[in-house]
Amino acid sequence: VTTKYHRAAFESAVGEVDNSMRLSLNYETNIGSLATEGTRSDTILFRILGDIPVRTVLGQALNIPESVQTLSLERQAEIFTERLSNAGIRNPQDLSSRESIDKIIRRYQAM
């Protein structure tokens, strides 16, 4: 509990200086619990679509326009799947790997 509190306080303090860094830290912390092994791919995508900070980082890293949010959830999930595949991530469960986390954060920070 103390570790989670310190992590959240750190993310908040960083966010006061650089919001994109706060979102990156949030992504790093939360993607593992959203993209767990053994969970269906569509379930993972719906979890990501429902987590605004994670969705923001992933969407910007994959160059998905914000206007996509007006589409049905099913269509949004299809678009995210296509863009993940184009980025070399074939399975949403792979988003929780250290390599994928680093790749997405680097792409997000470069945008």
N, C-alpha and C. Protein backbone atom coordinates (compact mmCIF):
# COMPACT_ATOMS: atom_id res chain seq x y z
N VAL A 1 0.83 -1.19 0.00
CA VAL A 1 0.00 0.00 0.00
C VAL A 1 0.87 1.25 0.00
N THR A 2 1.90 1.26 0.84
CA THR A 2 2.79 2.42 0.92
C THR A 2 3.50 2.65 -0.41
N THR A 3 3.94 1.59 -1.05
CA THR A 3 4.62 1.71 -2.33
C THR A 3 3.69 2.31 -3.38
N LYS A 4 2.44 1.84 -3.42
CA LYS A 4 1.47 2.37 -4.37
C LYS A 4 1.20 3.86 -4.11
N TYR A 5 1.13 4.22 -2.84
CA TYR A 5 0.91 5.62 -2.48
C TYR A 5 2.07 6.48 -2.95
N HIS A 6 3.30 6.02 -2.70
CA HIS A 6 4.48 6.78 -3.10
C HIS A 6 4.55 6.89 -4.63
N ARG A 7 4.22 5.82 -5.31
CA ARG A 7 4.22 5.83 -6.78
C ARG A 7 3.20 6.83 -7.30
N ALA A 8 1.99 6.82 -6.74
CA ALA A 8 0.94 7.76 -7.16
C ALA A 8 1.34 9.20 -6.85
N ALA A 9 1.94 9.43 -5.70
CA ALA A 9 2.39 10.78 -5.33
C ALA A 9 3.48 11.25 -6.29
N PHE A 10 4.38 10.34 -6.65
CA PHE A 10 5.45 10.68 -7.58
C PHE A 10 4.86 11.03 -8.95
N GLU A 11 3.92 10.20 -9.45
CA GLU A 11 3.29 10.46 -10.74
C GLU A 11 2.59 11.82 -10.73
N SER A 12 1.91 12.12 -9.64
CA SER A 12 1.21 13.40 -9.52
C SER A 12 2.20 14.57 -9.55
N ALA A 13 3.29 14.44 -8.81
CA ALA A 13 4.30 15.51 -8.77
C ALA A 13 4.93 15.70 -10.15
N VAL A 14 5.23 14.62 -10.83
CA VAL A 14 5.79 14.69 -12.18
C VAL A 14 4.78 15.35 -13.12
N GLY A 15 3.51 15.01 -12.96
CA GLY A 15 2.46 15.56 -13.81
C GLY A 15 2.31 17.07 -13.69
N GLU A 16 2.68 17.61 -12.54
CA GLU A 16 2.62 19.06 -12.37
C GLU A 16 3.67 19.76 -13.24
N VAL A 17 4.74 19.04 -13.56
CA VAL A 17 5.81 19.60 -14.39
C VAL A 17 5.64 19.19 -15.85
N ASP A 18 5.30 17.93 -16.10
CA ASP A 18 5.22 17.40 -17.46
C ASP A 18 4.11 16.34 -17.52
N ASN A 19 2.96 16.72 -18.06
CA ASN A 19 1.81 15.81 -18.08
C ASN A 19 2.07 14.57 -18.94
N SER A 20 2.83 14.71 -20.02
CA SER A 20 3.10 13.53 -20.85
C SER A 20 3.95 12.51 -20.10
N MET A 21 4.82 12.98 -19.24
CA MET A 21 5.61 12.06 -18.43
C MET A 21 4.73 11.36 -17.40
N ARG A 22 3.78 12.10 -16.81
CA ARG A 22 2.84 11.50 -15.87
C ARG A 22 2.03 10.40 -16.55
N LEU A 23 1.54 10.69 -17.76
CA LEU A 23 0.78 9.68 -18.49
C LEU A 23 1.63 8.47 -18.83
N SER A 24 2.89 8.69 -19.17
CA SER A 24 3.81 7.58 -19.46
C SER A 24 4.01 6.70 -18.23
N LEU A 25 4.21 7.32 -17.09
CA LEU A 25 4.37 6.56 -15.85
C LEU A 25 3.10 5.79 -15.51
N ASN A 26 1.95 6.42 -15.72
CA ASN A 26 0.68 5.76 -15.47
C ASN A 26 0.52 4.55 -16.39
N TYR A 27 0.88 4.72 -17.66
CA TYR A 27 0.81 3.62 -18.62
C TYR A 27 1.68 2.45 -18.15
N GLU A 28 2.90 2.77 -17.78
CA GLU A 28 3.84 1.74 -17.33
C GLU A 28 3.30 0.99 -16.12
N THR A 29 2.64 1.71 -15.22
CA THR A 29 2.10 1.10 -14.00
C THR A 29 0.87 0.24 -14.28
N ASN A 30 0.00 0.69 -15.17
CA ASN A 30 -1.32 0.07 -15.31
C ASN A 30 -1.48 -0.92 -16.46
N ILE A 31 -0.65 -0.86 -17.49
CA ILE A 31 -0.88 -1.73 -18.65
C ILE A 31 -0.78 -3.21 -18.29
N GLY A 32 0.07 -3.55 -17.34
CA GLY A 32 0.23 -4.95 -16.96
C GLY A 32 -1.05 -5.56 -16.40
N SER A 33 -1.79 -4.77 -15.62
CA SER A 33 -3.04 -5.31 -15.05
C SER A 33 -4.16 -5.33 -16.09
N LEU A 34 -4.06 -4.52 -17.13
CA LEU A 34 -5.09 -4.51 -18.18
C LEU A 34 -4.86 -5.60 -19.21
N ALA A 35 -3.60 -5.88 -19.50
CA ALA A 35 -3.25 -6.84 -20.55
C ALA A 35 -2.68 -8.11 -19.95
N THR A 36 -3.46 -8.76 -19.11
CA THR A 36 -2.98 -9.95 -18.41
C THR A 36 -3.03 -11.19 -19.30
N GLU A 37 -2.08 -12.08 -19.08
CA GLU A 37 -2.04 -13.35 -19.80
C GLU A 37 -3.34 -14.12 -19.58
N GLY A 38 -3.77 -14.83 -20.59
CA GLY A 38 -4.94 -15.68 -20.47
C GLY A 38 -6.26 -14.96 -20.63
N THR A 39 -6.21 -13.65 -20.81
CA THR A 39 -7.43 -12.87 -21.03
C THR A 39 -7.65 -12.73 -22.53
N ARG A 40 -8.90 -12.78 -22.94
CA ARG A 40 -9.21 -12.66 -24.37
C ARG A 40 -8.77 -11.29 -24.90
N SER A 41 -8.34 -11.28 -26.14
CA SER A 41 -7.84 -10.06 -26.77
C SER A 41 -8.87 -8.94 -26.77
N ASP A 42 -10.12 -9.27 -27.09
CA ASP A 42 -11.14 -8.21 -27.12
C ASP A 42 -11.42 -7.65 -25.73
N THR A 43 -11.32 -8.48 -24.71
CA THR A 43 -11.50 -8.01 -23.33
C THR A 43 -10.39 -7.03 -22.96
N ILE A 44 -9.17 -7.35 -23.34
CA ILE A 44 -8.04 -6.45 -23.07
C ILE A 44 -8.26 -5.11 -23.76
N LEU A 45 -8.66 -5.16 -25.02
CA LEU A 45 -8.87 -3.91 -25.76
C LEU A 45 -9.98 -3.08 -25.13
N PHE A 46 -11.06 -3.70 -24.69
CA PHE A 46 -12.14 -2.95 -24.05
C PHE A 46 -11.68 -2.35 -22.72
N ARG A 47 -10.84 -3.08 -21.99
CA ARG A 47 -10.27 -2.53 -20.74
C ARG A 47 -9.43 -1.29 -21.05
N ILE A 48 -8.61 -1.39 -22.09
CA ILE A 48 -7.75 -0.26 -22.48
C ILE A 48 -8.60 0.92 -22.91
N LEU A 49 -9.63 0.67 -23.70
CA LEU A 49 -10.50 1.75 -24.16
C LEU A 49 -11.20 2.45 -23.00
N GLY A 50 -11.41 1.73 -21.90
CA GLY A 50 -12.07 2.29 -20.73
C GLY A 50 -11.14 2.99 -19.76
N ASP A 51 -9.84 2.86 -19.96
CA ASP A 51 -8.86 3.50 -19.08
C ASP A 51 -8.28 4.70 -19.82
N ILE A 52 -8.79 5.89 -19.54
CA ILE A 52 -8.46 7.08 -20.32
C ILE A 52 -6.96 7.37 -20.40
N PRO A 53 -6.21 7.36 -19.27
CA PRO A 53 -4.77 7.63 -19.40
C PRO A 53 -4.03 6.60 -20.27
N VAL A 54 -4.34 5.32 -20.09
CA VAL A 54 -3.70 4.28 -20.88
C VAL A 54 -4.11 4.41 -22.34
N ARG A 55 -5.38 4.63 -22.57
CA ARG A 55 -5.89 4.81 -23.94
C ARG A 55 -5.21 6.01 -24.61
N THR A 56 -5.03 7.09 -23.86
CA THR A 56 -4.41 8.30 -24.41
C THR A 56 -2.99 8.00 -24.88
N VAL A 57 -2.21 7.36 -24.03
CA VAL A 57 -0.82 7.04 -24.40
C VAL A 57 -0.79 6.10 -25.59
N LEU A 58 -1.55 5.02 -25.53
CA LEU A 58 -1.53 4.04 -26.61
C LEU A 58 -2.05 4.64 -27.91
N GLY A 59 -3.15 5.39 -27.82
CA GLY A 59 -3.72 6.00 -29.02
C GLY A 59 -2.76 6.97 -29.69
N GLN A 60 -2.09 7.79 -28.90
CA GLN A 60 -1.14 8.74 -29.49
C GLN A 60 0.10 8.03 -30.02
N ALA A 61 0.57 7.00 -29.30
CA ALA A 61 1.73 6.24 -29.76
C ALA A 61 1.45 5.55 -31.09
N LEU A 62 0.20 5.15 -31.29
CA LEU A 62 -0.18 4.46 -32.52
C LEU A 62 -0.75 5.41 -33.57
N ASN A 63 -0.70 6.72 -33.26
CA ASN A 63 -1.18 7.76 -34.18
C ASN A 63 -2.65 7.57 -34.55
N ILE A 64 -3.46 7.28 -33.55
CA ILE A 64 -4.90 7.12 -33.74
C ILE A 64 -5.56 8.46 -33.41
N PRO A 65 -6.30 9.04 -34.35
CA PRO A 65 -6.91 10.34 -34.09
C PRO A 65 -7.98 10.27 -33.00
N GLU A 66 -8.13 11.36 -32.25
CA GLU A 66 -9.12 11.41 -31.18
C GLU A 66 -10.54 11.22 -31.70
N SER A 67 -10.78 11.57 -32.96
CA SER A 67 -12.13 11.43 -33.54
C SER A 67 -12.60 9.99 -33.56
N VAL A 68 -11.69 9.03 -33.43
CA VAL A 68 -12.05 7.60 -33.40
C VAL A 68 -12.96 7.32 -32.21
N GLN A 69 -12.85 8.13 -31.16
CA GLN A 69 -13.66 7.92 -29.96
C GLN A 69 -15.15 8.03 -30.22
N THR A 70 -15.54 8.63 -31.33
CA THR A 70 -16.96 8.75 -31.65
C THR A 70 -17.53 7.48 -32.29
N LEU A 71 -16.66 6.56 -32.66
CA LEU A 71 -17.09 5.30 -33.28
C LEU A 71 -17.54 4.30 -32.21
N SER A 72 -18.18 3.24 -32.63
CA SER A 72 -18.58 2.19 -31.69
C SER A 72 -17.35 1.58 -31.04
N LEU A 73 -17.52 1.03 -29.85
CA LEU A 73 -16.39 0.40 -29.15
C LEU A 73 -15.79 -0.74 -29.98
N GLU A 74 -16.65 -1.48 -30.65
CA GLU A 74 -16.17 -2.60 -31.46
C GLU A 74 -15.25 -2.09 -32.58
N ARG A 75 -15.67 -1.00 -33.24
CA ARG A 75 -14.86 -0.43 -34.32
C ARG A 75 -13.56 0.15 -33.77
N GLN A 76 -13.63 0.80 -32.61
CA GLN A 76 -12.42 1.33 -31.98
C GLN A 76 -11.44 0.19 -31.69
N ALA A 77 -11.96 -0.91 -31.16
CA ALA A 77 -11.10 -2.06 -30.85
C ALA A 77 -10.44 -2.60 -32.12
N GLU A 78 -11.19 -2.63 -33.23
CA GLU A 78 -10.63 -3.08 -34.50
C GLU A 78 -9.49 -2.16 -34.95
N ILE A 79 -9.69 -0.86 -34.81
CA ILE A 79 -8.67 0.10 -35.22
C ILE A 79 -7.42 -0.06 -34.36
N PHE A 80 -7.59 -0.18 -33.05
CA PHE A 80 -6.44 -0.39 -32.16
C PHE A 80 -5.72 -1.67 -32.53
N THR A 81 -6.47 -2.74 -32.82
CA THR A 81 -5.85 -4.02 -33.21
C THR A 81 -5.02 -3.86 -34.48
N GLU A 82 -5.57 -3.17 -35.48
CA GLU A 82 -4.85 -2.94 -36.74
C GLU A 82 -3.57 -2.15 -36.50
N ARG A 83 -3.67 -1.09 -35.70
CA ARG A 83 -2.50 -0.24 -35.46
C ARG A 83 -1.45 -0.97 -34.61
N LEU A 84 -1.90 -1.78 -33.66
CA LEU A 84 -0.95 -2.57 -32.88
C LEU A 84 -0.18 -3.53 -33.80
N SER A 85 -0.91 -4.17 -34.70
CA SER A 85 -0.29 -5.10 -35.64
C SER A 85 0.73 -4.37 -36.52
N ASN A 86 0.36 -3.17 -36.99
CA ASN A 86 1.28 -2.38 -37.80
C ASN A 86 2.54 -2.00 -37.02
N ALA A 87 2.41 -1.87 -35.71
CA ALA A 87 3.56 -1.53 -34.85
C ALA A 87 4.35 -2.77 -34.42
N GLY A 88 3.94 -3.94 -34.92
CA GLY A 88 4.67 -5.17 -34.59
C GLY A 88 4.19 -5.86 -33.34
N ILE A 89 3.05 -5.45 -32.81
CA ILE A 89 2.49 -6.09 -31.61
C ILE A 89 1.27 -6.88 -32.07
N ARG A 90 1.43 -8.17 -32.20
CA ARG A 90 0.39 -9.03 -32.80
C ARG A 90 -0.74 -9.38 -31.83
N ASN A 91 -0.44 -9.38 -30.54
CA ASN A 91 -1.42 -9.82 -29.55
C ASN A 91 -1.49 -8.79 -28.42
N PRO A 92 -2.69 -8.34 -28.04
CA PRO A 92 -2.80 -7.35 -26.96
C PRO A 92 -2.15 -7.78 -25.65
N GLN A 93 -2.07 -9.09 -25.38
CA GLN A 93 -1.41 -9.55 -24.16
C GLN A 93 0.07 -9.15 -24.15
N ASP A 94 0.64 -9.00 -25.34
CA ASP A 94 2.05 -8.63 -25.45
C ASP A 94 2.32 -7.20 -24.97
N LEU A 95 1.27 -6.40 -24.82
CA LEU A 95 1.45 -5.02 -24.36
C LEU A 95 2.06 -4.96 -22.96
N SER A 96 1.92 -6.03 -22.19
CA SER A 96 2.45 -6.02 -20.83
C SER A 96 3.93 -6.42 -20.76
N SER A 97 4.52 -6.79 -21.90
CA SER A 97 5.94 -7.14 -21.90
C SER A 97 6.78 -5.87 -21.75
N ARG A 98 7.91 -5.98 -21.12
CA ARG A 98 8.80 -4.83 -20.91
C ARG A 98 9.16 -4.18 -22.24
N GLU A 99 9.44 -5.01 -23.26
CA GLU A 99 9.81 -4.51 -24.58
C GLU A 99 8.68 -3.66 -25.18
N SER A 100 7.44 -4.15 -25.10
CA SER A 100 6.31 -3.41 -25.65
C SER A 100 6.03 -2.13 -24.87
N ILE A 101 6.14 -2.21 -23.55
CA ILE A 101 5.92 -1.02 -22.72
C ILE A 101 6.92 0.07 -23.12
N ASP A 102 8.18 -0.29 -23.23
CA ASP A 102 9.21 0.68 -23.61
C ASP A 102 8.96 1.24 -25.02
N LYS A 103 8.57 0.36 -25.93
CA LYS A 103 8.32 0.75 -27.31
C LYS A 103 7.17 1.76 -27.38
N ILE A 104 6.08 1.48 -26.69
CA ILE A 104 4.92 2.37 -26.72
C ILE A 104 5.25 3.71 -26.06
N ILE A 105 5.94 3.68 -24.94
CA ILE A 105 6.28 4.94 -24.26
C ILE A 105 7.23 5.78 -25.12
N ARG A 106 8.20 5.15 -25.76
CA ARG A 106 9.10 5.91 -26.64
C ARG A 106 8.33 6.54 -27.80
N ARG A 107 7.41 5.79 -28.39
CA ARG A 107 6.60 6.33 -29.50
C ARG A 107 5.71 7.47 -29.01
N TYR A 108 5.12 7.32 -27.83
CA TYR A 108 4.27 8.36 -27.28
C TYR A 108 5.07 9.63 -27.00
N GLN A 109 6.24 9.48 -26.38
CA GLN A 109 7.06 10.64 -26.07
C GLN A 109 7.57 11.33 -27.33
N ALA A 110 7.73 10.59 -28.43
CA ALA A 110 8.21 11.17 -29.68
C ALA A 110 7.12 11.96 -30.41
N MET A 111 5.87 11.70 -30.07
CA MET A 111 4.76 12.37 -30.78
C MET A 111 4.60 13.80 -30.34
